[in-house]
Amino acid sequence: VQNGLIKFIDTEMLNHLDGWQKIGAGAFVALAVKNLPNTIEAYANNQVVAMLGIIDEERNIDIDALHDAVMDYFSTDGEYINIPMLGRIKITKQDIETLYKYIKEA
């Protein structure tokens, strides 16, 4: 997941930024991704996430189940999310498919 996420962010997001926004977002993403194992550990210990069964005992994420669940409810027009240092951005179904592909390839 970590390597696919890095590739997606570098290829699909940071290439569309410049100046301080790119530097800030790049630093934020690098630190967030570096901390991903701790983030996964925290979520794995969360009762609600544990109920979903998407993180196993070895802390592997069932990316297929997560992908399928997200795609079932994702608007065809995309969804807006707020990302620190980037602001409000629109994520489309194609973005999700691209991220999924990068994660599966990694």
PDB file of N, CA and C in Angstrom:
ATOM      1  N   VAL A   1       0.843  -1.191   0.000  1.00  0.00           N
ATOM      2  CA  VAL A   1       0.000   0.000   0.000  1.00  0.00           C
ATOM      3  C   VAL A   1       0.882   1.246   0.000  1.00  0.00           C
ATOM      4  N   GLN A   2       1.924   1.200   0.819  1.00  0.00           N
ATOM      5  CA  GLN A   2       2.798   2.363   0.965  1.00  0.00           C
ATOM      6  C   GLN A   2       3.440   2.747  -0.367  1.00  0.00           C
ATOM      7  N   ASN A   3       4.006   1.790  -1.080  1.00  0.00           N
ATOM      8  CA  ASN A   3       4.677   2.087  -2.346  1.00  0.00           C
ATOM      9  C   ASN A   3       3.698   2.556  -3.415  1.00  0.00           C
ATOM     10  N   GLY A   4       2.521   1.951  -3.475  1.00  0.00           N
ATOM     11  CA  GLY A   4       1.512   2.374  -4.434  1.00  0.00           C
ATOM     12  C   GLY A   4       1.006   3.771  -4.148  1.00  0.00           C
ATOM     13  N   LEU A   5       0.847   4.085  -2.873  1.00  0.00           N
ATOM     14  CA  LEU A   5       0.401   5.412  -2.469  1.00  0.00           C
ATOM     15  C   LEU A   5       1.441   6.469  -2.831  1.00  0.00           C
ATOM     16  N   ILE A   6       2.711   6.160  -2.589  1.00  0.00           N
ATOM     17  CA  ILE A   6       3.784   7.093  -2.952  1.00  0.00           C
ATOM     18  C   ILE A   6       3.787   7.344  -4.457  1.00  0.00           C
ATOM     19  N   LYS A   7       3.686   6.283  -5.248  1.00  0.00           N
ATOM     20  CA  LYS A   7       3.692   6.449  -6.703  1.00  0.00           C
ATOM     21  C   LYS A   7       2.502   7.294  -7.159  1.00  0.00           C
ATOM     22  N   PHE A   8       1.323   7.044  -6.594  1.00  0.00           N
ATOM     23  CA  PHE A   8       0.137   7.807  -6.963  1.00  0.00           C
ATOM     24  C   PHE A   8       0.318   9.288  -6.646  1.00  0.00           C
ATOM     25  N   ILE A   9       0.789   9.574  -5.461  1.00  0.00           N
ATOM     26  CA  ILE A   9       0.947  10.967  -5.050  1.00  0.00           C
ATOM     27  C   ILE A   9       1.995  11.663  -5.908  1.00  0.00           C
ATOM     28  N   ASP A  10       3.135  11.010  -6.119  1.00  0.00           N
ATOM     29  CA  ASP A  10       4.192  11.609  -6.945  1.00  0.00           C
ATOM     30  C   ASP A  10       3.740  11.818  -8.379  1.00  0.00           C
ATOM     31  N   THR A  11       3.067  10.840  -8.938  1.00  0.00           N
ATOM     32  CA  THR A  11       2.689  10.874 -10.348  1.00  0.00           C
ATOM     33  C   THR A  11       1.434  11.688 -10.619  1.00  0.00           C
ATOM     34  N   GLU A  12       0.425  11.498  -9.799  1.00  0.00           N
ATOM     35  CA  GLU A  12      -0.886  12.074 -10.089  1.00  0.00           C
ATOM     36  C   GLU A  12      -1.187  13.377  -9.362  1.00  0.00           C
ATOM     37  N   MET A  13      -0.520  13.635  -8.250  1.00  0.00           N
ATOM     38  CA  MET A  13      -0.863  14.823  -7.477  1.00  0.00           C
ATOM     39  C   MET A  13       0.242  15.877  -7.493  1.00  0.00           C
ATOM     40  N   LEU A  14       1.440  15.505  -7.066  1.00  0.00           N
ATOM     41  CA  LEU A  14       2.501  16.501  -6.928  1.00  0.00           C
ATOM     42  C   LEU A  14       2.941  17.089  -8.267  1.00  0.00           C
ATOM     43  N   ASN A  15       2.809  16.348  -9.331  1.00  0.00           N
ATOM     44  CA  ASN A  15       3.192  16.870 -10.651  1.00  0.00           C
ATOM     45  C   ASN A  15       2.307  18.023 -11.105  1.00  0.00           C
ATOM     46  N   HIS A  16       1.162  18.193 -10.444  1.00  0.00           N
ATOM     47  CA  HIS A  16       0.231  19.268 -10.814  1.00  0.00           C
ATOM     48  C   HIS A  16       0.405  20.510  -9.938  1.00  0.00           C
ATOM     49  N   LEU A  17       1.389  20.467  -9.046  1.00  0.00           N
ATOM     50  CA  LEU A  17       1.641  21.589  -8.142  1.00  0.00           C
ATOM     51  C   LEU A  17       2.980  22.232  -8.481  1.00  0.00           C
ATOM     52  N   ASP A  18       3.184  23.429  -7.953  1.00  0.00           N
ATOM     53  CA  ASP A  18       4.484  24.062  -8.111  1.00  0.00           C
ATOM     54  C   ASP A  18       4.781  24.942  -6.906  1.00  0.00           C
ATOM     55  N   GLY A  19       6.005  25.426  -6.832  1.00  0.00           N
ATOM     56  CA  GLY A  19       6.410  26.338  -5.774  1.00  0.00           C
ATOM     57  C   GLY A  19       6.276  25.752  -4.385  1.00  0.00           C
ATOM     58  N   TRP A  20       5.925  26.630  -3.454  1.00  0.00           N
ATOM     59  CA  TRP A  20       5.821  26.242  -2.054  1.00  0.00           C
ATOM     60  C   TRP A  20       4.727  25.215  -1.810  1.00  0.00           C
ATOM     61  N   GLN A  21       3.679  25.254  -2.619  1.00  0.00           N
ATOM     62  CA  GLN A  21       2.611  24.272  -2.444  1.00  0.00           C
ATOM     63  C   GLN A  21       3.155  22.859  -2.711  1.00  0.00           C
ATOM     64  N   LYS A  22       3.984  22.718  -3.739  1.00  0.00           N
ATOM     65  CA  LYS A  22       4.576  21.410  -4.054  1.00  0.00           C
ATOM     66  C   LYS A  22       5.555  20.992  -2.959  1.00  0.00           C
ATOM     67  N   ILE A  23       6.371  21.930  -2.483  1.00  0.00           N
ATOM     68  CA  ILE A  23       7.344  21.616  -1.429  1.00  0.00           C
ATOM     69  C   ILE A  23       6.617  21.209  -0.151  1.00  0.00           C
ATOM     70  N   GLY A  24       5.636  21.997   0.260  1.00  0.00           N
ATOM     71  CA  GLY A  24       4.889  21.701   1.476  1.00  0.00           C
ATOM     72  C   GLY A  24       4.130  20.393   1.386  1.00  0.00           C
ATOM     73  N   ALA A  25       3.435  20.198   0.273  1.00  0.00           N
ATOM     74  CA  ALA A  25       2.666  18.972   0.091  1.00  0.00           C
ATOM     75  C   ALA A  25       3.595  17.761   0.007  1.00  0.00           C
ATOM     76  N   GLY A  26       4.719  17.923  -0.685  1.00  0.00           N
ATOM     77  CA  GLY A  26       5.674  16.829  -0.794  1.00  0.00           C
ATOM     78  C   GLY A  26       6.234  16.423   0.557  1.00  0.00           C
ATOM     79  N   ALA A  27       6.574  17.419   1.389  1.00  0.00           N
ATOM     80  CA  ALA A  27       7.101  17.131   2.727  1.00  0.00           C
ATOM     81  C   ALA A  27       6.037  16.464   3.588  1.00  0.00           C
ATOM     82  N   PHE A  28       4.811  16.986   3.537  1.00  0.00           N
ATOM     83  CA  PHE A  28       3.721  16.410   4.318  1.00  0.00           C
ATOM     84  C   PHE A  28       3.489  14.955   3.914  1.00  0.00           C
ATOM     85  N   VAL A  29       3.415  14.711   2.625  1.00  0.00           N
ATOM     86  CA  VAL A  29       3.150  13.361   2.125  1.00  0.00           C
ATOM     87  C   VAL A  29       4.285  12.418   2.506  1.00  0.00           C
ATOM     88  N   ALA A  30       5.535  12.862   2.337  1.00  0.00           N
ATOM     89  CA  ALA A  30       6.675  12.010   2.678  1.00  0.00           C
ATOM     90  C   ALA A  30       6.625  11.587   4.141  1.00  0.00           C
ATOM     91  N   LEU A  31       6.324  12.538   5.026  1.00  0.00           N
ATOM     92  CA  LEU A  31       6.254  12.217   6.448  1.00  0.00           C
ATOM     93  C   LEU A  31       5.047  11.342   6.772  1.00  0.00           C
ATOM     94  N   ALA A  32       3.915  11.619   6.145  1.00  0.00           N
ATOM     95  CA  ALA A  32       2.703  10.827   6.391  1.00  0.00           C
ATOM     96  C   ALA A  32       2.883   9.386   5.923  1.00  0.00           C
ATOM     97  N   VAL A  33       3.484   9.218   4.752  1.00  0.00           N
ATOM     98  CA  VAL A  33       3.689   7.874   4.223  1.00  0.00           C
ATOM     99  C   VAL A  33       4.727   7.132   5.060  1.00  0.00           C
ATOM    100  N   LYS A  34       5.761   7.829   5.506  1.00  0.00           N
ATOM    101  CA  LYS A  34       6.772   7.206   6.366  1.00  0.00           C
ATOM    102  C   LYS A  34       6.126   6.698   7.653  1.00  0.00           C
ATOM    103  N   ASN A  35       5.111   7.398   8.130  1.00  0.00           N
ATOM    104  CA  ASN A  35       4.420   7.021   9.365  1.00  0.00           C
ATOM    105  C   ASN A  35       3.256   6.051   9.112  1.00  0.00           C
ATOM    106  N   LEU A  36       3.058   5.643   7.867  1.00  0.00           N
ATOM    107  CA  LEU A  36       1.925   4.784   7.522  1.00  0.00           C
ATOM    108  C   LEU A  36       1.849   3.510   8.371  1.00  0.00           C
ATOM    109  N   PRO A  37       2.953   2.817   8.651  1.00  0.00           N
ATOM    110  CA  PRO A  37       2.832   1.624   9.503  1.00  0.00           C
ATOM    111  C   PRO A  37       2.230   1.936  10.876  1.00  0.00           C
ATOM    112  N   ASN A  38       2.601   3.065  11.468  1.00  0.00           N
ATOM    113  CA  ASN A  38       2.019   3.452  12.758  1.00  0.00           C
ATOM    114  C   ASN A  38       0.541   3.797  12.615  1.00  0.00           C
ATOM    115  N   THR A  39       0.191   4.435  11.508  1.00  0.00           N
ATOM    116  CA  THR A  39      -1.207   4.789  11.256  1.00  0.00           C
ATOM    117  C   THR A  39      -2.040   3.518  11.093  1.00  0.00           C
ATOM    118  N   ILE A  40      -1.521   2.568  10.337  1.00  0.00           N
ATOM    119  CA  ILE A  40      -2.229   1.297  10.146  1.00  0.00           C
ATOM    120  C   ILE A  40      -2.390   0.579  11.480  1.00  0.00           C
ATOM    121  N   GLU A  41      -1.346   0.596  12.292  1.00  0.00           N
ATOM    122  CA  GLU A  41      -1.413  -0.038  13.612  1.00  0.00           C
ATOM    123  C   GLU A  41      -2.512   0.592  14.462  1.00  0.00           C
ATOM    124  N   ALA A  42      -2.578   1.915  14.439  1.00  0.00           N
ATOM    125  CA  ALA A  42      -3.602   2.611  15.220  1.00  0.00           C
ATOM    126  C   ALA A  42      -5.003   2.243  14.730  1.00  0.00           C
ATOM    127  N   TYR A  43      -5.187   2.214  13.417  1.00  0.00           N
ATOM    128  CA  TYR A  43      -6.499   1.855  12.875  1.00  0.00           C
ATOM    129  C   TYR A  43      -6.823   0.387  13.129  1.00  0.00           C
ATOM    130  N   ALA A  44      -5.821  -0.466  13.046  1.00  0.00           N
ATOM    131  CA  ALA A  44      -6.057  -1.895  13.280  1.00  0.00           C
ATOM    132  C   ALA A  44      -6.556  -2.147  14.691  1.00  0.00           C
ATOM    133  N   ASN A  45      -6.152  -1.305  15.631  1.00  0.00           N
ATOM    134  CA  ASN A  45      -6.583  -1.458  17.018  1.00  0.00           C
ATOM    135  C   ASN A  45      -7.902  -0.748  17.316  1.00  0.00           C
ATOM    136  N   ASN A  46      -8.433  -0.050  16.339  1.00  0.00           N
ATOM    137  CA  ASN A  46      -9.715   0.636  16.501  1.00  0.00           C
ATOM    138  C   ASN A  46     -10.842  -0.393  16.372  1.00  0.00           C
ATOM    139  N   GLN A  47     -11.781  -0.377  17.302  1.00  0.00           N
ATOM    140  CA  GLN A  47     -12.858  -1.378  17.311  1.00  0.00           C
ATOM    141  C   GLN A  47     -13.713  -1.330  16.050  1.00  0.00           C
ATOM    142  N   VAL A  48     -14.016  -0.141  15.573  1.00  0.00           N
ATOM    143  CA  VAL A  48     -14.859  -0.017  14.381  1.00  0.00           C
ATOM    144  C   VAL A  48     -14.141  -0.585  13.166  1.00  0.00           C
ATOM    145  N   VAL A  49     -12.874  -0.239  12.997  1.00  0.00           N
ATOM    146  CA  VAL A  49     -12.097  -0.755  11.860  1.00  0.00           C
ATOM    147  C   VAL A  49     -11.937  -2.268  11.990  1.00  0.00           C
ATOM    148  N   ALA A  50     -11.708  -2.747  13.198  1.00  0.00           N
ATOM    149  CA  ALA A  50     -11.577  -4.190  13.424  1.00  0.00           C
ATOM    150  C   ALA A  50     -12.844  -4.927  12.996  1.00  0.00           C
ATOM    151  N   MET A  51     -14.006  -4.319  13.247  1.00  0.00           N
ATOM    152  CA  MET A  51     -15.283  -4.930  12.842  1.00  0.00           C
ATOM    153  C   MET A  51     -15.376  -5.094  11.334  1.00  0.00           C
ATOM    154  N   LEU A  52     -14.754  -4.189  10.594  1.00  0.00           N
ATOM    155  CA  LEU A  52     -14.827  -4.235   9.138  1.00  0.00           C
ATOM    156  C   LEU A  52     -14.014  -5.380   8.559  1.00  0.00           C
ATOM    157  N   GLY A  53     -13.001  -5.832   9.279  1.00  0.00           N
ATOM    158  CA  GLY A  53     -12.194  -6.960   8.829  1.00  0.00           C
ATOM    159  C   GLY A  53     -11.306  -6.657   7.630  1.00  0.00           C
ATOM    160  N   ILE A  54     -10.884  -5.408   7.469  1.00  0.00           N
ATOM    161  CA  ILE A  54     -10.052  -5.083   6.309  1.00  0.00           C
ATOM    162  C   ILE A  54      -8.555  -5.076   6.632  1.00  0.00           C
ATOM    163  N   ILE A  55      -8.193  -5.216   7.922  1.00  0.00           N
ATOM    164  CA  ILE A  55      -6.789  -5.304   8.311  1.00  0.00           C
ATOM    165  C   ILE A  55      -6.613  -6.611   9.084  1.00  0.00           C
ATOM    166  N   ASP A  56      -5.712  -7.470   8.576  1.00  0.00           N
ATOM    167  CA  ASP A  56      -5.527  -8.764   9.229  1.00  0.00           C
ATOM    168  C   ASP A  56      -4.489  -8.679  10.359  1.00  0.00           C
ATOM    169  N   GLU A  57      -4.184  -9.818  10.965  1.00  0.00           N
ATOM    170  CA  GLU A  57      -3.267  -9.870  12.102  1.00  0.00           C
ATOM    171  C   GLU A  57      -1.851  -9.423  11.737  1.00  0.00           C
ATOM    172  N   GLU A  58      -1.442  -9.624  10.479  1.00  0.00           N
ATOM    173  CA  GLU A  58      -0.114  -9.207  10.028  1.00  0.00           C
ATOM    174  C   GLU A  58      -0.104  -7.757   9.557  1.00  0.00           C
ATOM    175  N   ARG A  59      -1.234  -7.078   9.744  1.00  0.00           N
ATOM    176  CA  ARG A  59      -1.408  -5.657   9.390  1.00  0.00           C
ATOM    177  C   ARG A  59      -1.412  -5.429   7.883  1.00  0.00           C
ATOM    178  N   ASN A  60      -1.853  -6.445   7.148  1.00  0.00           N
ATOM    179  CA  ASN A  60      -2.094  -6.293   5.712  1.00  0.00           C
ATOM    180  C   ASN A  60      -3.492  -5.732   5.522  1.00  0.00           C
ATOM    181  N   ILE A  61      -3.624  -4.824   4.577  1.00  0.00           N
ATOM    182  CA  ILE A  61      -4.914  -4.216   4.282  1.00  0.00           C
ATOM    183  C   ILE A  61      -5.547  -4.965   3.123  1.00  0.00           C
ATOM    184  N   ASP A  62      -6.798  -5.342   3.272  1.00  0.00           N
ATOM    185  CA  ASP A  62      -7.534  -5.989   2.180  1.00  0.00           C
ATOM    186  C   ASP A  62      -7.946  -4.901   1.196  1.00  0.00           C
ATOM    187  N   ILE A  63      -7.036  -4.563   0.307  1.00  0.00           N
ATOM    188  CA  ILE A  63      -7.234  -3.458  -0.614  1.00  0.00           C
ATOM    189  C   ILE A  63      -8.371  -3.742  -1.595  1.00  0.00           C
ATOM    190  N   ASP A  64      -8.585  -4.999  -1.932  1.00  0.00           N
ATOM    191  CA  ASP A  64      -9.684  -5.344  -2.842  1.00  0.00           C
ATOM    192  C   ASP A  64     -11.036  -5.046  -2.201  1.00  0.00           C
ATOM    193  N   ALA A  65     -11.212  -5.464  -0.956  1.00  0.00           N
ATOM    194  CA  ALA A  65     -12.484  -5.207  -0.259  1.00  0.00           C
ATOM    195  C   ALA A  65     -12.697  -3.711  -0.073  1.00  0.00           C
ATOM    196  N   LEU A  66     -11.644  -3.005   0.288  1.00  0.00           N
ATOM    197  CA  LEU A  66     -11.739  -1.562   0.481  1.00  0.00           C
ATOM    198  C   LEU A  66     -12.086  -0.862  -0.832  1.00  0.00           C
ATOM    199  N   HIS A  67     -11.431  -1.261  -1.914  1.00  0.00           N
ATOM    200  CA  HIS A  67     -11.705  -0.695  -3.235  1.00  0.00           C
ATOM    201  C   HIS A  67     -13.160  -0.916  -3.624  1.00  0.00           C
ATOM    202  N   ASP A  68     -13.617  -2.152  -3.491  1.00  0.00           N
ATOM    203  CA  ASP A  68     -14.992  -2.477  -3.886  1.00  0.00           C
ATOM    204  C   ASP A  68     -16.012  -1.678  -3.074  1.00  0.00           C
ATOM    205  N   ALA A  69     -15.774  -1.544  -1.789  1.00  0.00           N
ATOM    206  CA  ALA A  69     -16.704  -0.800  -0.933  1.00  0.00           C
ATOM    207  C   ALA A  69     -16.727   0.675  -1.301  1.00  0.00           C
ATOM    208  N   VAL A  70     -15.583   1.252  -1.546  1.00  0.00           N
ATOM    209  CA  VAL A  70     -15.514   2.673  -1.911  1.00  0.00           C
ATOM    210  C   VAL A  70     -16.186   2.913  -3.255  1.00  0.00           C
ATOM    211  N   MET A  71     -15.907   2.068  -4.207  1.00  0.00           N
ATOM    212  CA  MET A  71     -16.440   2.282  -5.557  1.00  0.00           C
ATOM    213  C   MET A  71     -17.954   2.156  -5.596  1.00  0.00           C
ATOM    214  N   ASP A  72     -18.512   1.334  -4.733  1.00  0.00           N
ATOM    215  CA  ASP A  72     -19.970   1.184  -4.696  1.00  0.00           C
ATOM    216  C   ASP A  72     -20.678   2.480  -4.324  1.00  0.00           C
ATOM    217  N   TYR A  73     -20.024   3.321  -3.541  1.00  0.00           N
ATOM    218  CA  TYR A  73     -20.674   4.530  -3.042  1.00  0.00           C
ATOM    219  C   TYR A  73     -20.080   5.823  -3.575  1.00  0.00           C
ATOM    220  N   PHE A  74     -19.120   5.722  -4.448  1.00  0.00           N
ATOM    221  CA  PHE A  74     -18.439   6.890  -4.973  1.00  0.00           C
ATOM    222  C   PHE A  74     -19.271   7.516  -6.079  1.00  0.00           C
ATOM    223  N   SER A  75     -19.495   8.800  -5.995  1.00  0.00           N
ATOM    224  CA  SER A  75     -20.284   9.515  -6.993  1.00  0.00           C
ATOM    225  C   SER A  75     -19.600   9.472  -8.356  1.00  0.00           C
ATOM    226  N   THR A  76     -20.378   9.394  -9.406  1.00  0.00           N
ATOM    227  CA  THR A  76     -19.802   9.399 -10.752  1.00  0.00           C
ATOM    228  C   THR A  76     -19.158  10.742 -11.068  1.00  0.00           C
ATOM    229  N   ASP A  77     -19.571  11.796 -10.368  1.00  0.00           N
ATOM    230  CA  ASP A  77     -18.987  13.126 -10.574  1.00  0.00           C
ATOM    231  C   ASP A  77     -17.736  13.348  -9.743  1.00  0.00           C
ATOM    232  N   GLY A  78     -17.397  12.417  -8.855  1.00  0.00           N
ATOM    233  CA  GLY A  78     -16.250  12.563  -7.974  1.00  0.00           C
ATOM    234  C   GLY A  78     -16.669  13.127  -6.632  1.00  0.00           C
ATOM    235  N   GLU A  79     -15.717  13.182  -5.739  1.00  0.00           N
ATOM    236  CA  GLU A  79     -15.950  13.661  -4.382  1.00  0.00           C
ATOM    237  C   GLU A  79     -14.855  14.646  -4.015  1.00  0.00           C
ATOM    238  N   TYR A  80     -15.209  15.641  -3.217  1.00  0.00           N
ATOM    239  CA  TYR A  80     -14.223  16.613  -2.737  1.00  0.00           C
ATOM    240  C   TYR A  80     -13.721  16.184  -1.367  1.00  0.00           C
ATOM    241  N   ILE A  81     -12.415  16.316  -1.178  1.00  0.00           N
ATOM    242  CA  ILE A  81     -11.815  16.060   0.128  1.00  0.00           C
ATOM    243  C   ILE A  81     -10.851  17.201   0.449  1.00  0.00           C
ATOM    244  N   ASN A  82     -10.645  17.427   1.733  1.00  0.00           N
ATOM    245  CA  ASN A  82      -9.682  18.432   2.176  1.00  0.00           C
ATOM    246  C   ASN A  82      -8.391  17.732   2.572  1.00  0.00           C
ATOM    247  N   ILE A  83      -7.301  18.174   1.978  1.00  0.00           N
ATOM    248  CA  ILE A  83      -5.988  17.608   2.264  1.00  0.00           C
ATOM    249  C   ILE A  83      -5.105  18.732   2.776  1.00  0.00           C
ATOM    250  N   PRO A  84      -4.482  18.535   3.940  1.00  0.00           N
ATOM    251  CA  PRO A  84      -3.603  19.581   4.467  1.00  0.00           C
ATOM    252  C   PRO A  84      -2.566  20.016   3.430  1.00  0.00           C
ATOM    253  N   MET A  85      -2.358  21.294   3.324  1.00  0.00           N
ATOM    254  CA  MET A  85      -1.407  21.946   2.429  1.00  0.00           C
ATOM    255  C   MET A  85      -1.833  21.931   0.958  1.00  0.00           C
ATOM    256  N   LEU A  86      -2.833  21.160   0.615  1.00  0.00           N
ATOM    257  CA  LEU A  86      -3.342  21.162  -0.753  1.00  0.00           C
ATOM    258  C   LEU A  86      -4.684  21.864  -0.840  1.00  0.00           C
ATOM    259  N   GLY A  87      -5.439  21.785   0.238  1.00  0.00           N
ATOM    260  CA  GLY A  87      -6.765  22.379   0.232  1.00  0.00           C
ATOM    261  C   GLY A  87      -7.808  21.387  -0.239  1.00  0.00           C
ATOM    262  N   ARG A  88      -8.867  21.919  -0.793  1.00  0.00           N
ATOM    263  CA  ARG A  88     -10.002  21.101  -1.244  1.00  0.00           C
ATOM    264  C   ARG A  88      -9.733  20.633  -2.666  1.00  0.00           C
ATOM    265  N   ILE A  89      -9.687  19.312  -2.846  1.00  0.00           N
ATOM    266  CA  ILE A  89      -9.459  18.773  -4.188  1.00  0.00           C
ATOM    267  C   ILE A  89     -10.539  17.745  -4.511  1.00  0.00           C
ATOM    268  N   LYS A  90     -10.729  17.560  -5.781  1.00  0.00           N
ATOM    269  CA  LYS A  90     -11.729  16.607  -6.248  1.00  0.00           C
ATOM    270  C   LYS A  90     -11.040  15.300  -6.634  1.00  0.00           C
ATOM    271  N   ILE A  91     -11.569  14.203  -6.121  1.00  0.00           N
ATOM    272  CA  ILE A  91     -11.079  12.868  -6.440  1.00  0.00           C
ATOM    273  C   ILE A  91     -12.166  12.183  -7.265  1.00  0.00           C
ATOM    274  N   THR A  92     -11.794  11.667  -8.414  1.00  0.00           N
ATOM    275  CA  THR A  92     -12.751  11.005  -9.294  1.00  0.00           C
ATOM    276  C   THR A  92     -12.628   9.483  -9.186  1.00  0.00           C
ATOM    277  N   LYS A  93     -13.572   8.787  -9.775  1.00  0.00           N
ATOM    278  CA  LYS A  93     -13.495   7.328  -9.813  1.00  0.00           C
ATOM    279  C   LYS A  93     -12.229   6.895 -10.540  1.00  0.00           C
ATOM    280  N   GLN A  94     -11.833   7.636 -11.558  1.00  0.00           N
ATOM    281  CA  GLN A  94     -10.610   7.301 -12.281  1.00  0.00           C
ATOM    282  C   GLN A  94      -9.388   7.438 -11.375  1.00  0.00           C
ATOM    283  N   ASP A  95      -9.375   8.448 -10.508  1.00  0.00           N
ATOM    284  CA  ASP A  95      -8.278   8.592  -9.547  1.00  0.00           C
ATOM    285  C   ASP A  95      -8.203   7.375  -8.628  1.00  0.00           C
ATOM    286  N   ILE A  96      -9.357   6.924  -8.153  1.00  0.00           N
ATOM    287  CA  ILE A  96      -9.400   5.753  -7.278  1.00  0.00           C
ATOM    288  C   ILE A  96      -8.896   4.520  -8.021  1.00  0.00           C
ATOM    289  N   GLU A  97      -9.311   4.364  -9.265  1.00  0.00           N
ATOM    290  CA  GLU A  97      -8.852   3.221 -10.062  1.00  0.00           C
ATOM    291  C   GLU A  97      -7.335   3.278 -10.286  1.00  0.00           C
ATOM    292  N   THR A  98      -6.811   4.472 -10.522  1.00  0.00           N
ATOM    293  CA  THR A  98      -5.377   4.631 -10.724  1.00  0.00           C
ATOM    294  C   THR A  98      -4.617   4.300  -9.446  1.00  0.00           C
ATOM    295  N   LEU A  99      -5.085   4.812  -8.309  1.00  0.00           N
ATOM    296  CA  LEU A  99      -4.465   4.496  -7.028  1.00  0.00           C
ATOM    297  C   LEU A  99      -4.507   2.990  -6.772  1.00  0.00           C
ATOM    298  N   TYR A 100      -5.625   2.375  -7.017  1.00  0.00           N
ATOM    299  CA  TYR A 100      -5.790   0.926  -6.839  1.00  0.00           C
ATOM    300  C   TYR A 100      -4.781   0.176  -7.706  1.00  0.00           C
ATOM    301  N   LYS A 101      -4.645   0.595  -8.938  1.00  0.00           N
ATOM    302  CA  LYS A 101      -3.697  -0.053  -9.868  1.00  0.00           C
ATOM    303  C   LYS A 101      -2.265   0.060  -9.339  1.00  0.00           C
ATOM    304  N   TYR A 102      -1.878   1.249  -8.892  1.00  0.00           N
ATOM    305  CA  TYR A 102      -0.527   1.453  -8.354  1.00  0.00           C
ATOM    306  C   TYR A 102      -0.282   0.584  -7.128  1.00  0.00           C
ATOM    307  N   ILE A 103      -1.263   0.476  -6.261  1.00  0.00           N
ATOM    308  CA  ILE A 103      -1.103  -0.347  -5.063  1.00  0.00           C
ATOM    309  C   ILE A 103      -0.970  -1.811  -5.446  1.00  0.00           C
ATOM    310  N   LYS A 104      -1.783  -2.283  -6.372  1.00  0.00           N
ATOM    311  CA  LYS A 104      -1.729  -3.686  -6.788  1.00  0.00           C
ATOM    312  C   LYS A 104      -0.411  -4.003  -7.483  1.00  0.00           C
ATOM    313  N   GLU A 105       0.153  -3.046  -8.216  1.00  0.00           N
ATOM    314  CA  GLU A 105       1.418  -3.259  -8.920  1.00  0.00           C
ATOM    315  C   GLU A 105       2.618  -3.246  -7.983  1.00  0.00           C
ATOM    316  N   ALA A 106       2.483  -2.560  -6.856  1.00  0.00           N
ATOM    317  CA  ALA A 106       3.642  -2.366  -5.954  1.00  0.00           C
ATOM    318  C   ALA A 106       4.025  -3.661  -5.240  1.00  0.00           C
TER     319      ALA A 106
END
